[in-house]
Amino acid sequence: QNVEREDDPPRVLQRWDATRTNGLVHLETRLAAAGDAAIVWE
């Protein structure tokens, strides 16, 4: 969704730059930053 859920309008923070990337690429980037670890999809 590219939003920080704890924020309400009009202050809506985005997690990634929509002009440069997308949600799946951002997810892959975050997982890579977390290091060599198992992914637990809960």
Full PDB file with SEQRES, HELIX, SHEET, SSBOND, CRYST1, ORIGX, SCALE, CONECT and MASTER records, all heavy atoms in Angstrom:
SEQRES   1 A   42  GLN ASN VAL GLU ARG GLU ASP ASP PRO PRO ARG VAL LEU          
SEQRES   2 A   42  GLN ARG TRP ASP ALA THR ARG THR ASN GLY LEU VAL HIS          
SEQRES   3 A   42  LEU GLU THR ARG LEU ALA ALA ALA GLY ASP ALA ALA ILE          
SEQRES   4 A   42  VAL TRP GLU                                                  
HELIX    1 AA1 GLY A   23  ALA A   33  1                                  11    
CRYST1    1.000    1.000    1.000  90.00  90.00  90.00 P 1           1          
ORIGX1      1.000000  0.000000  0.000000        0.00000                         
ORIGX2      0.000000  1.000000  0.000000        0.00000                         
ORIGX3      0.000000  0.000000  1.000000        0.00000                         
SCALE1      1.000000  0.000000  0.000000        0.00000                         
SCALE2      0.000000  1.000000  0.000000        0.00000                         
SCALE3      0.000000  0.000000  1.000000        0.00000                         
ATOM      1  N   GLN A   1       0.818  -1.210   0.000  1.00  0.00           N  
ATOM      2  CA  GLN A   1       0.000   0.000   0.000  1.00  0.00           C  
ATOM      3  C   GLN A   1       0.854   1.263   0.000  1.00  0.00           C  
ATOM      4  O   GLN A   1       0.390   2.338  -0.358  1.00  0.00           O  
ATOM      5  CB  GLN A   1      -0.917  -0.023   1.223  1.00  0.00           C  
ATOM      6  CG  GLN A   1      -2.036   0.993   1.203  1.00  0.00           C  
ATOM      7  CD  GLN A   1      -2.952   0.838   2.416  1.00  0.00           C  
ATOM      8  OE1 GLN A   1      -2.757  -0.030   3.249  1.00  0.00           O  
ATOM      9  NE2 GLN A   1      -3.946   1.692   2.518  1.00  0.00           N  
ATOM     10  N   ASN A   2       2.105   1.124   0.435  1.00  0.00           N  
ATOM     11  CA  ASN A   2       3.052   2.244   0.478  1.00  0.00           C  
ATOM     12  C   ASN A   2       2.613   3.331   1.451  1.00  0.00           C  
ATOM     13  O   ASN A   2       2.675   4.523   1.151  1.00  0.00           O  
ATOM     14  CB  ASN A   2       3.267   2.850  -0.911  1.00  0.00           C  
ATOM     15  CG  ASN A   2       4.495   3.759  -0.952  1.00  0.00           C  
ATOM     16  OD1 ASN A   2       5.372   3.662  -0.104  1.00  0.00           O  
ATOM     17  ND2 ASN A   2       4.536   4.657  -1.926  1.00  0.00           N  
ATOM     18  N   VAL A   3       2.168   2.916   2.621  1.00  0.00           N  
ATOM     19  CA  VAL A   3       1.820   3.874   3.664  1.00  0.00           C  
ATOM     20  C   VAL A   3       2.285   3.329   5.008  1.00  0.00           C  
ATOM     21  O   VAL A   3       2.433   2.121   5.196  1.00  0.00           O  
ATOM     22  CB  VAL A   3       0.299   4.148   3.746  1.00  0.00           C  
ATOM     23  CG1 VAL A   3      -0.204   4.792   2.475  1.00  0.00           C  
ATOM     24  CG2 VAL A   3      -0.473   2.887   4.067  1.00  0.00           C  
ATOM     25  N   GLU A   4       2.540   4.250   5.911  1.00  0.00           N  
ATOM     26  CA  GLU A   4       2.747   3.883   7.304  1.00  0.00           C  
ATOM     27  C   GLU A   4       1.379   3.869   7.962  1.00  0.00           C  
ATOM     28  O   GLU A   4       0.718   4.902   8.058  1.00  0.00           O  
ATOM     29  CB  GLU A   4       3.673   4.896   7.992  1.00  0.00           C  
ATOM     30  CG  GLU A   4       5.079   4.932   7.436  1.00  0.00           C  
ATOM     31  CD  GLU A   4       5.913   3.726   7.837  1.00  0.00           C  
ATOM     32  OE1 GLU A   4       5.407   2.895   8.618  1.00  0.00           O  
ATOM     33  OE2 GLU A   4       7.057   3.621   7.377  1.00  0.00           O  
ATOM     34  N   ARG A   5       0.915   2.716   8.385  1.00  0.00           N  
ATOM     35  CA  ARG A   5      -0.464   2.602   8.852  1.00  0.00           C  
ATOM     36  C   ARG A   5      -0.735   3.404  10.107  1.00  0.00           C  
ATOM     37  O   ARG A   5      -1.879   3.744  10.394  1.00  0.00           O  
ATOM     38  CB  ARG A   5      -0.792   1.129   9.128  1.00  0.00           C  
ATOM     39  CG  ARG A   5      -0.912   0.302   7.882  1.00  0.00           C  
ATOM     40  CD  ARG A   5      -1.714  -0.916   8.224  1.00  0.00           C  
ATOM     41  NE  ARG A   5      -1.528  -1.974   7.254  1.00  0.00           N  
ATOM     42  CZ  ARG A   5      -1.874  -3.223   7.488  1.00  0.00           C  
ATOM     43  NH1 ARG A   5      -2.395  -3.548   8.639  1.00  0.00           N  
ATOM     44  NH2 ARG A   5      -1.709  -4.147   6.572  1.00  0.00           N  
ATOM     45  N   GLU A   6       0.311   3.694  10.879  1.00  0.00           N  
ATOM     46  CA  GLU A   6       0.050   4.411  12.125  1.00  0.00           C  
ATOM     47  C   GLU A   6      -0.167   5.895  11.890  1.00  0.00           C  
ATOM     48  O   GLU A   6      -0.418   6.645  12.826  1.00  0.00           O  
ATOM     49  CB  GLU A   6       1.205   4.207  13.108  1.00  0.00           C  
ATOM     50  CG  GLU A   6       2.560   4.668  12.583  1.00  0.00           C  
ATOM     51  CD  GLU A   6       3.313   3.537  11.909  1.00  0.00           C  
ATOM     52  OE1 GLU A   6       2.669   2.645  11.346  1.00  0.00           O  
ATOM     53  OE2 GLU A   6       4.556   3.540  11.953  1.00  0.00           O  
ATOM     54  N   ASP A   7      -0.084   6.342  10.653  1.00  0.00           N  
ATOM     55  CA  ASP A   7      -0.312   7.749  10.332  1.00  0.00           C  
ATOM     56  C   ASP A   7      -1.686   7.920   9.705  1.00  0.00           C  
ATOM     57  O   ASP A   7      -2.156   7.067   8.959  1.00  0.00           O  
ATOM     58  CB  ASP A   7       0.756   8.261   9.367  1.00  0.00           C  
ATOM     59  CG  ASP A   7       2.128   8.289  10.014  1.00  0.00           C  
ATOM     60  OD1 ASP A   7       2.218   8.739  11.160  1.00  0.00           O  
ATOM     61  OD2 ASP A   7       3.099   7.849   9.378  1.00  0.00           O  
ATOM     62  N   ASP A   8      -2.316   9.045  10.000  1.00  0.00           N  
ATOM     63  CA  ASP A   8      -3.623   9.370   9.454  1.00  0.00           C  
ATOM     64  C   ASP A   8      -3.516  10.590   8.550  1.00  0.00           C  
ATOM     65  O   ASP A   8      -2.616  11.411   8.708  1.00  0.00           O  
ATOM     66  CB  ASP A   8      -4.617   9.665  10.575  1.00  0.00           C  
ATOM     67  CG  ASP A   8      -5.163   8.385  11.199  1.00  0.00           C  
ATOM     68  OD1 ASP A   8      -5.002   7.325  10.580  1.00  0.00           O  
ATOM     69  OD2 ASP A   8      -5.733   8.468  12.300  1.00  0.00           O  
ATOM     70  N   PRO A   9      -4.452  10.731   7.605  1.00  0.00           N  
ATOM     71  CA  PRO A   9      -4.469  11.936   6.781  1.00  0.00           C  
ATOM     72  C   PRO A   9      -4.639  13.163   7.678  1.00  0.00           C  
ATOM     73  O   PRO A   9      -5.298  13.094   8.708  1.00  0.00           O  
ATOM     74  CB  PRO A   9      -5.692  11.737   5.879  1.00  0.00           C  
ATOM     75  CG  PRO A   9      -5.951  10.274   5.905  1.00  0.00           C  
ATOM     76  CD  PRO A   9      -5.510   9.794   7.240  1.00  0.00           C  
ATOM     77  N   PRO A  10      -4.063  14.335   7.312  1.00  0.00           N  
ATOM     78  CA  PRO A  10      -3.321  14.550   6.065  1.00  0.00           C  
ATOM     79  C   PRO A  10      -1.852  14.151   6.131  1.00  0.00           C  
ATOM     80  O   PRO A  10      -1.143  14.291   5.163  1.00  0.00           O  
ATOM     81  CB  PRO A  10      -3.460  16.060   5.880  1.00  0.00           C  
ATOM     82  CG  PRO A  10      -3.488  16.593   7.279  1.00  0.00           C  
ATOM     83  CD  PRO A  10      -4.233  15.566   8.085  1.00  0.00           C  
ATOM     84  N   ARG A  11      -1.405  13.656   7.287  1.00  0.00           N  
ATOM     85  CA  ARG A  11       0.001  13.276   7.412  1.00  0.00           C  
ATOM     86  C   ARG A  11       0.125  11.791   7.070  1.00  0.00           C  
ATOM     87  O   ARG A  11      -0.076  10.937   7.919  1.00  0.00           O  
ATOM     88  CB  ARG A  11       0.492  13.526   8.838  1.00  0.00           C  
ATOM     89  CG  ARG A  11       1.950  13.193   9.071  1.00  0.00           C  
ATOM     90  CD  ARG A  11       2.354  13.554  10.508  1.00  0.00           C  
ATOM     91  NE  ARG A  11       3.741  13.226  10.783  1.00  0.00           N  
ATOM     92  CZ  ARG A  11       4.144  12.063  11.277  1.00  0.00           C  
ATOM     93  NH1 ARG A  11       3.247  11.127  11.540  1.00  0.00           N  
ATOM     94  NH2 ARG A  11       5.418  11.822  11.512  1.00  0.00           N  
ATOM     95  N   VAL A  12       0.433  11.492   5.824  1.00  0.00           N  
ATOM     96  CA  VAL A  12       0.542  10.113   5.371  1.00  0.00           C  
ATOM     97  C   VAL A  12       1.960   9.888   4.869  1.00  0.00           C  
ATOM     98  O   VAL A  12       2.371  10.455   3.851  1.00  0.00           O  
ATOM     99  CB  VAL A  12      -0.476   9.806   4.249  1.00  0.00           C  
ATOM    100  CG1 VAL A  12      -0.324   8.368   3.800  1.00  0.00           C  
ATOM    101  CG2 VAL A  12      -1.889  10.065   4.739  1.00  0.00           C  
ATOM    102  N   LEU A  13       2.723   9.107   5.590  1.00  0.00           N  
ATOM    103  CA  LEU A  13       4.107   8.835   5.211  1.00  0.00           C  
ATOM    104  C   LEU A  13       4.161   7.636   4.276  1.00  0.00           C  
ATOM    105  O   LEU A  13       3.454   6.653   4.469  1.00  0.00           O  
ATOM    106  CB  LEU A  13       4.953   8.569   6.457  1.00  0.00           C  
ATOM    107  CG  LEU A  13       5.044   9.714   7.472  1.00  0.00           C  
ATOM    108  CD1 LEU A  13       5.939   9.304   8.639  1.00  0.00           C  
ATOM    109  CD2 LEU A  13       5.594  10.969   6.806  1.00  0.00           C  
ATOM    110  N   GLN A  14       5.016   7.723   3.281  1.00  0.00           N  
ATOM    111  CA  GLN A  14       5.202   6.636   2.340  1.00  0.00           C  
ATOM    112  C   GLN A  14       6.445   5.842   2.691  1.00  0.00           C  
ATOM    113  O   GLN A  14       7.415   6.368   3.232  1.00  0.00           O  
ATOM    114  CB  GLN A  14       5.299   7.175   0.910  1.00  0.00           C  
ATOM    115  CG  GLN A  14       4.010   7.823   0.416  1.00  0.00           C  
ATOM    116  CD  GLN A  14       4.103   8.227  -1.034  1.00  0.00           C  
ATOM    117  OE1 GLN A  14       5.119   8.723  -1.495  1.00  0.00           O  
ATOM    118  NE2 GLN A  14       3.017   8.000  -1.778  1.00  0.00           N  
ATOM    119  N   ARG A  15       6.407   4.565   2.364  1.00  0.00           N  
ATOM    120  CA  ARG A  15       7.532   3.680   2.658  1.00  0.00           C  
ATOM    121  C   ARG A  15       8.565   3.675   1.542  1.00  0.00           C  
ATOM    122  O   ARG A  15       9.723   3.372   1.783  1.00  0.00           O  
ATOM    123  CB  ARG A  15       7.020   2.249   2.888  1.00  0.00           C  
ATOM    124  CG  ARG A  15       6.219   2.084   4.172  1.00  0.00           C  
ATOM    125  CD  ARG A  15       5.600   0.706   4.266  1.00  0.00           C  
ATOM    126  NE  ARG A  15       4.995   0.505   5.580  1.00  0.00           N  
ATOM    127  CZ  ARG A  15       5.581  -0.144   6.588  1.00  0.00           C  
ATOM    128  NH1 ARG A  15       6.785  -0.644   6.430  1.00  0.00           N  
ATOM    129  NH2 ARG A  15       4.968  -0.292   7.743  1.00  0.00           N  
ATOM    130  N   TRP A  16       8.153   3.937   0.322  1.00  0.00           N  
ATOM    131  CA  TRP A  16       9.083   3.904  -0.799  1.00  0.00           C  
ATOM    132  C   TRP A  16       8.679   4.928  -1.843  1.00  0.00           C  
ATOM    133  O   TRP A  16       7.539   5.398  -1.870  1.00  0.00           O  
ATOM    134  CB  TRP A  16       9.162   2.500  -1.416  1.00  0.00           C  
ATOM    135  CG  TRP A  16       7.869   1.757  -1.539  1.00  0.00           C  
ATOM    136  CD1 TRP A  16       7.314   0.914  -0.622  1.00  0.00           C  
ATOM    137  CD2 TRP A  16       6.952   1.802  -2.640  1.00  0.00           C  
ATOM    138  NE1 TRP A  16       6.113   0.425  -1.072  1.00  0.00           N  
ATOM    139  CE2 TRP A  16       5.862   0.949  -2.312  1.00  0.00           C  
ATOM    140  CE3 TRP A  16       6.931   2.458  -3.870  1.00  0.00           C  
ATOM    141  CZ2 TRP A  16       4.787   0.746  -3.170  1.00  0.00           C  
ATOM    142  CZ3 TRP A  16       5.858   2.252  -4.731  1.00  0.00           C  
ATOM    143  CH2 TRP A  16       4.806   1.398  -4.377  1.00  0.00           C  
ATOM    144  N   ASP A  17       9.639   5.321  -2.682  1.00  0.00           N  
ATOM    145  CA  ASP A  17       9.428   6.329  -3.702  1.00  0.00           C  
ATOM    146  C   ASP A  17       8.756   5.687  -4.912  1.00  0.00           C  
ATOM    147  O   ASP A  17       9.373   4.895  -5.630  1.00  0.00           O  
ATOM    148  CB  ASP A  17      10.775   6.951  -4.099  1.00  0.00           C  
ATOM    149  CG  ASP A  17      10.618   8.102  -5.095  1.00  0.00           C  
ATOM    150  OD1 ASP A  17       9.508   8.309  -5.610  1.00  0.00           O  
ATOM    151  OD2 ASP A  17      11.632   8.786  -5.346  1.00  0.00           O  
ATOM    152  N   ALA A  18       7.497   6.023  -5.134  1.00  0.00           N  
ATOM    153  CA  ALA A  18       6.733   5.387  -6.202  1.00  0.00           C  
ATOM    154  C   ALA A  18       7.260   5.724  -7.587  1.00  0.00           C  
ATOM    155  O   ALA A  18       6.932   5.033  -8.554  1.00  0.00           O  
ATOM    156  CB  ALA A  18       5.260   5.800  -6.096  1.00  0.00           C  
ATOM    157  N   THR A  19       8.073   6.775  -7.715  1.00  0.00           N  
ATOM    158  CA  THR A  19       8.629   7.121  -9.028  1.00  0.00           C  
ATOM    159  C   THR A  19       9.857   6.286  -9.369  1.00  0.00           C  
ATOM    160  O   THR A  19      10.317   6.306 -10.515  1.00  0.00           O  
ATOM    161  CB  THR A  19       9.011   8.613  -9.076  1.00  0.00           C  
ATOM    162  OG1 THR A  19      10.066   8.864  -8.127  1.00  0.00           O  
ATOM    163  CG2 THR A  19       7.809   9.481  -8.746  1.00  0.00           C  
ATOM    164  N   ARG A  20      10.373   5.552  -8.388  1.00  0.00           N  
ATOM    165  CA  ARG A  20      11.618   4.819  -8.614  1.00  0.00           C  
ATOM    166  C   ARG A  20      11.506   3.318  -8.402  1.00  0.00           C  
ATOM    167  O   ARG A  20      12.323   2.552  -8.916  1.00  0.00           O  
ATOM    168  CB  ARG A  20      12.718   5.361  -7.686  1.00  0.00           C  
ATOM    169  CG  ARG A  20      13.061   6.818  -7.916  1.00  0.00           C  
ATOM    170  CD  ARG A  20      14.220   7.248  -7.025  1.00  0.00           C  
ATOM    171  NE  ARG A  20      14.595   8.645  -7.262  1.00  0.00           N  
ATOM    172  CZ  ARG A  20      15.608   9.248  -6.656  1.00  0.00           C  
ATOM    173  NH1 ARG A  20      16.340   8.584  -5.754  1.00  0.00           N  
ATOM    174  NH2 ARG A  20      15.876  10.506  -6.924  1.00  0.00           N  
ATOM    175  N   THR A  21      10.518   2.891  -7.646  1.00  0.00           N  
ATOM    176  CA  THR A  21      10.462   1.465  -7.315  1.00  0.00           C  
ATOM    177  C   THR A  21       9.001   1.061  -7.127  1.00  0.00           C  
ATOM    178  O   THR A  21       8.084   1.812  -7.406  1.00  0.00           O  
ATOM    179  CB  THR A  21      11.294   1.173  -6.047  1.00  0.00           C  
ATOM    180  OG1 THR A  21      11.339  -0.233  -5.821  1.00  0.00           O  
ATOM    181  CG2 THR A  21      10.715   1.865  -4.830  1.00  0.00           C  
ATOM    182  N   ASN A  22       8.782  -0.157  -6.642  1.00  0.00           N  
ATOM    183  CA  ASN A  22       7.430  -0.619  -6.348  1.00  0.00           C  
ATOM    184  C   ASN A  22       7.455  -1.452  -5.075  1.00  0.00           C  
ATOM    185  O   ASN A  22       8.521  -1.685  -4.490  1.00  0.00           O  
ATOM    186  CB  ASN A  22       6.859  -1.413  -7.526  1.00  0.00           C  
ATOM    187  CG  ASN A  22       7.697  -2.620  -7.883  1.00  0.00           C  
ATOM    188  OD1 ASN A  22       8.027  -3.448  -7.025  1.00  0.00           O  
ATOM    189  ND2 ASN A  22       8.046  -2.756  -9.151  1.00  0.00           N  
ATOM    190  N   GLY A  23       6.290  -1.917  -4.650  1.00  0.00           N  
ATOM    191  CA  GLY A  23       6.186  -2.609  -3.375  1.00  0.00           C  
ATOM    192  C   GLY A  23       6.996  -3.888  -3.308  1.00  0.00           C  
ATOM    193  O   GLY A  23       7.638  -4.186  -2.293  1.00  0.00           O  
ATOM    194  N   LEU A  24       6.993  -4.678  -4.383  1.00  0.00           N  
ATOM    195  CA  LEU A  24       7.722  -5.940  -4.362  1.00  0.00           C  
ATOM    196  C   LEU A  24       9.223  -5.713  -4.309  1.00  0.00           C  
ATOM    197  O   LEU A  24       9.944  -6.419  -3.589  1.00  0.00           O  
ATOM    198  CB  LEU A  24       7.339  -6.773  -5.585  1.00  0.00           C  
ATOM    199  CG  LEU A  24       5.955  -7.410  -5.531  1.00  0.00           C  
ATOM    200  CD1 LEU A  24       5.620  -8.080  -6.850  1.00  0.00           C  
ATOM    201  CD2 LEU A  24       5.857  -8.409  -4.392  1.00  0.00           C  
ATOM    202  N   VAL A  25       9.708  -4.740  -5.068  1.00  0.00           N  
ATOM    203  CA  VAL A  25      11.144  -4.439  -5.025  1.00  0.00           C  
ATOM    204  C   VAL A  25      11.530  -3.930  -3.639  1.00  0.00           C  
ATOM    205  O   VAL A  25      12.581  -4.301  -3.096  1.00  0.00           O  
ATOM    206  CB  VAL A  25      11.511  -3.411  -6.114  1.00  0.00           C  
ATOM    207  CG1 VAL A  25      12.953  -2.938  -5.945  1.00  0.00           C  
ATOM    208  CG2 VAL A  25      11.305  -4.008  -7.500  1.00  0.00           C  
ATOM    209  N   HIS A  26      10.680  -3.096  -3.048  1.00  0.00           N  
ATOM    210  CA  HIS A  26      10.958  -2.599  -1.702  1.00  0.00           C  
ATOM    211  C   HIS A  26      10.988  -3.752  -0.702  1.00  0.00           C  
ATOM    212  O   HIS A  26      11.855  -3.787   0.180  1.00  0.00           O  
ATOM    213  CB  HIS A  26       9.895  -1.583  -1.304  1.00  0.00           C  
ATOM    214  CG  HIS A  26      10.055  -1.042   0.087  1.00  0.00           C  
ATOM    215  ND1 HIS A  26      11.021  -0.127   0.427  1.00  0.00           N  
ATOM    216  CD2 HIS A  26       9.374  -1.316   1.240  1.00  0.00           C  
ATOM    217  CE1 HIS A  26      10.931   0.150   1.719  1.00  0.00           C  
ATOM    218  NE2 HIS A  26       9.944  -0.558   2.235  1.00  0.00           N  
ATOM    219  N   LEU A  27      10.049  -4.695  -0.842  1.00  0.00           N  
ATOM    220  CA  LEU A  27      10.041  -5.862   0.044  1.00  0.00           C  
ATOM    221  C   LEU A  27      11.343  -6.644  -0.088  1.00  0.00           C  
ATOM    222  O   LEU A  27      11.966  -7.019   0.923  1.00  0.00           O  
ATOM    223  CB  LEU A  27       8.853  -6.758  -0.282  1.00  0.00           C  
ATOM    224  CG  LEU A  27       8.769  -8.079   0.475  1.00  0.00           C  
ATOM    225  CD1 LEU A  27       8.500  -7.833   1.954  1.00  0.00           C  
ATOM    226  CD2 LEU A  27       7.702  -8.985  -0.109  1.00  0.00           C  
ATOM    227  N   GLU A  28      11.783  -6.891  -1.313  1.00  0.00           N  
ATOM    228  CA  GLU A  28      13.021  -7.635  -1.531  1.00  0.00           C  
ATOM    229  C   GLU A  28      14.213  -6.883  -0.946  1.00  0.00           C  
ATOM    230  O   GLU A  28      15.124  -7.494  -0.357  1.00  0.00           O  
ATOM    231  CB  GLU A  28      13.210  -7.878  -3.023  1.00  0.00           C  
ATOM    232  CG  GLU A  28      12.165  -8.828  -3.612  1.00  0.00           C  
ATOM    233  CD  GLU A  28      12.199  -8.859  -5.131  1.00  0.00           C  
ATOM    234  OE1 GLU A  28      12.977  -8.073  -5.722  1.00  0.00           O  
ATOM    235  OE2 GLU A  28      11.438  -9.644  -5.727  1.00  0.00           O  
ATOM    236  N   THR A  29      14.200  -5.554  -1.067  1.00  0.00           N  
ATOM    237  CA  THR A  29      15.295  -4.746  -0.504  1.00  0.00           C  
ATOM    238  C   THR A  29      15.318  -4.843   1.007  1.00  0.00           C  
ATOM    239  O   THR A  29      16.383  -4.999   1.621  1.00  0.00           O  
ATOM    240  CB  THR A  29      15.135  -3.282  -0.940  1.00  0.00           C  
ATOM    241  OG1 THR A  29      15.132  -3.213  -2.369  1.00  0.00           O  
ATOM    242  CG2 THR A  29      16.273  -2.429  -0.395  1.00  0.00           C  
ATOM    243  N   ARG A  30      14.151  -4.766   1.629  1.00  0.00           N  
ATOM    244  CA  ARG A  30      14.083  -4.876   3.083  1.00  0.00           C  
ATOM    245  C   ARG A  30      14.515  -6.253   3.569  1.00  0.00           C  
ATOM    246  O   ARG A  30      15.191  -6.390   4.593  1.00  0.00           O  
ATOM    247  CB  ARG A  30      12.660  -4.578   3.550  1.00  0.00           C  
ATOM    248  CG  ARG A  30      12.257  -3.117   3.501  1.00  0.00           C  
ATOM    249  CD  ARG A  30      12.903  -2.309   4.628  1.00  0.00           C  
ATOM    250  NE  ARG A  30      12.600  -2.860   5.931  1.00  0.00           N  
ATOM    251  CZ  ARG A  30      11.544  -2.505   6.668  1.00  0.00           C  
ATOM    252  NH1 ARG A  30      10.682  -1.620   6.194  1.00  0.00           N  
ATOM    253  NH2 ARG A  30      11.348  -3.035   7.863  1.00  0.00           N  
ATOM    254  N   LEU A  31      14.113  -7.294   2.854  1.00  0.00           N  
ATOM    255  CA  LEU A  31      14.519  -8.647   3.250  1.00  0.00           C  
ATOM    256  C   LEU A  31      16.026  -8.812   3.130  1.00  0.00           C  
ATOM    257  O   LEU A  31      16.663  -9.456   3.981  1.00  0.00           O  
ATOM    258  CB  LEU A  31      13.787  -9.675   2.385  1.00  0.00           C  
ATOM    259  CG  LEU A  31      12.278  -9.810   2.643  1.00  0.00           C  
ATOM    260  CD1 LEU A  31      11.643 -10.736   1.615  1.00  0.00           C  
ATOM    261  CD2 LEU A  31      12.012 -10.334   4.045  1.00  0.00           C  
ATOM    262  N   ALA A  32      16.600  -8.237   2.088  1.00  0.00           N  
ATOM    263  CA  ALA A  32      18.057  -8.316   1.929  1.00  0.00           C  
ATOM    264  C   ALA A  32      18.760  -7.576   3.064  1.00  0.00           C  
ATOM    265  O   ALA A  32      19.790  -8.028   3.578  1.00  0.00           O  
ATOM    266  CB  ALA A  32      18.467  -7.743   0.573  1.00  0.00           C  
ATOM    267  N   ALA A  33      18.191  -6.426   3.486  1.00  0.00           N  
ATOM    268  CA  ALA A  33      18.792  -5.661   4.579  1.00  0.00           C  
ATOM    269  C   ALA A  33      18.718  -6.406   5.900  1.00  0.00           C  
ATOM    270  O   ALA A  33      19.532  -6.175   6.798  1.00  0.00           O  
ATOM    271  CB  ALA A  33      18.091  -4.306   4.705  1.00  0.00           C  
ATOM    272  N   ALA A  34      17.759  -7.327   6.025  1.00  0.00           N  
ATOM    273  CA  ALA A  34      17.609  -8.099   7.269  1.00  0.00           C  
ATOM    274  C   ALA A  34      18.657  -9.191   7.391  1.00  0.00           C  
ATOM    275  O   ALA A  34      18.742  -9.846   8.431  1.00  0.00           O  
ATOM    276  CB  ALA A  34      16.211  -8.700   7.341  1.00  0.00           C  
ATOM    277  N   GLY A  35      19.414  -9.441   6.319  1.00  0.00           N  
ATOM    278  CA  GLY A  35      20.498 -10.404   6.397  1.00  0.00           C  
ATOM    279  C   GLY A  35      20.087 -11.813   6.007  1.00  0.00           C  
ATOM    280  O   GLY A  35      18.976 -12.068   5.545  1.00  0.00           O  
ATOM    281  N   ASP A  36      21.012 -12.724   6.185  1.00  0.00           N  
ATOM    282  CA  ASP A  36      20.803 -14.130   5.826  1.00  0.00           C  
ATOM    283  C   ASP A  36      19.948 -14.796   6.899  1.00  0.00           C  
ATOM    284  O   ASP A  36      20.452 -15.276   7.914  1.00  0.00           O  
ATOM    285  CB  ASP A  36      22.143 -14.852   5.682  1.00  0.00           C  
ATOM    286  CG  ASP A  36      22.996 -14.272   4.562  1.00  0.00           C  
ATOM    287  OD1 ASP A  36      22.400 -13.655   3.655  1.00  0.00           O  
ATOM    288  OD2 ASP A  36      24.227 -14.415   4.597  1.00  0.00           O  
ATOM    289  N   ALA A  37      18.662 -14.812   6.661  1.00  0.00           N  
ATOM    290  CA  ALA A  37      17.744 -15.349   7.667  1.00  0.00           C  
ATOM    291  C   ALA A  37      16.571 -16.003   6.971  1.00  0.00           C  
ATOM    292  O   ALA A  37      16.241 -15.693   5.817  1.00  0.00           O  
ATOM    293  CB  ALA A  37      17.250 -14.225   8.584  1.00  0.00           C  
ATOM    294  N   ALA A  38      15.962 -16.917   7.670  1.00  0.00           N  
ATOM    295  CA  ALA A  38      14.729 -17.535   7.168  1.00  0.00           C  
ATOM    296  C   ALA A  38      13.608 -16.501   7.202  1.00  0.00           C  
ATOM    297  O   ALA A  38      13.545 -15.644   8.079  1.00  0.00           O  
ATOM    298  CB  ALA A  38      14.367 -18.732   8.022  1.00  0.00           C  
ATOM    299  N   ILE A  39      12.717 -16.585   6.213  1.00  0.00           N  
ATOM    300  CA  ILE A  39      11.547 -15.705   6.177  1.00  0.00           C  
ATOM    301  C   ILE A  39      10.365 -16.455   6.781  1.00  0.00           C  
ATOM    302  O   ILE A  39      10.055 -17.569   6.357  1.00  0.00           O  
ATOM    303  CB  ILE A  39      11.192 -15.284   4.745  1.00  0.00           C  
ATOM    304  CG1 ILE A  39      12.389 -14.616   4.059  1.00  0.00           C  
ATOM    305  CG2 ILE A  39      10.005 -14.333   4.753  1.00  0.00           C  
ATOM    306  CD1 ILE A  39      12.138 -14.299   2.603  1.00  0.00           C  
ATOM    307  N   VAL A  40       9.720 -15.855   7.750  1.00  0.00           N  
ATOM    308  CA  VAL A  40       8.533 -16.437   8.362  1.00  0.00           C  
ATOM    309  C   VAL A  40       7.330 -15.623   7.911  1.00  0.00           C  
ATOM    310  O   VAL A  40       7.145 -14.470   8.319  1.00  0.00           O  
ATOM    311  CB  VAL A  40       8.640 -16.449   9.894  1.00  0.00           C  
ATOM    312  CG1 VAL A  40       7.364 -17.009  10.506  1.00  0.00           C  
ATOM    313  CG2 VAL A  40       9.848 -17.256  10.340  1.00  0.00           C  
ATOM    314  N   TRP A  41       6.542 -16.211   7.005  1.00  0.00           N  
ATOM    315  CA  TRP A  41       5.322 -15.560   6.533  1.00  0.00           C  
ATOM    316  C   TRP A  41       4.212 -15.950   7.500  1.00  0.00           C  
ATOM    317  O   TRP A  41       3.827 -17.114   7.563  1.00  0.00           O  
ATOM    318  CB  TRP A  41       4.970 -16.029   5.123  1.00  0.00           C  
ATOM    319  CG  TRP A  41       6.112 -16.039   4.155  1.00  0.00           C  
ATOM    320  CD1 TRP A  41       7.002 -17.053   3.962  1.00  0.00           C  
ATOM    321  CD2 TRP A  41       6.489 -15.005   3.230  1.00  0.00           C  
ATOM    322  NE1 TRP A  41       7.902 -16.719   2.989  1.00  0.00           N  
ATOM    323  CE2 TRP A  41       7.612 -15.469   2.513  1.00  0.00           C  
ATOM    324  CE3 TRP A  41       5.966 -13.743   2.939  1.00  0.00           C  
ATOM    325  CZ2 TRP A  41       8.229 -14.712   1.526  1.00  0.00           C  
ATOM    326  CZ3 TRP A  41       6.581 -12.985   1.960  1.00  0.00           C  
ATOM    327  CH2 TRP A  41       7.690 -13.462   1.268  1.00  0.00           C  
ATOM    328  N   GLU A  42       3.717 -14.986   8.277  1.00  0.00           N  
ATOM    329  CA  GLU A  42       2.747 -15.322   9.317  1.00  0.00           C  
ATOM    330  C   GLU A  42       1.352 -14.858   8.920  1.00  0.00           C  
ATOM    331  O   GLU A  42       1.130 -13.683   8.606  1.00  0.00           O  
ATOM    332  CB  GLU A  42       3.128 -14.709  10.657  1.00  0.00           C  
ATOM    333  CG  GLU A  42       2.107 -15.049  11.735  1.00  0.00           C  
ATOM    334  CD  GLU A  42       2.665 -14.937  13.140  1.00  0.00           C  
ATOM    335  OE1 GLU A  42       3.847 -15.270  13.350  1.00  0.00           O  
ATOM    336  OE2 GLU A  42       1.906 -14.520  14.024  1.00  0.00           O  
TER     337      GLU A  42                                                      
MASTER        0    0    0    1    0    0    0    6  336    1    0    4          
END                                                                             
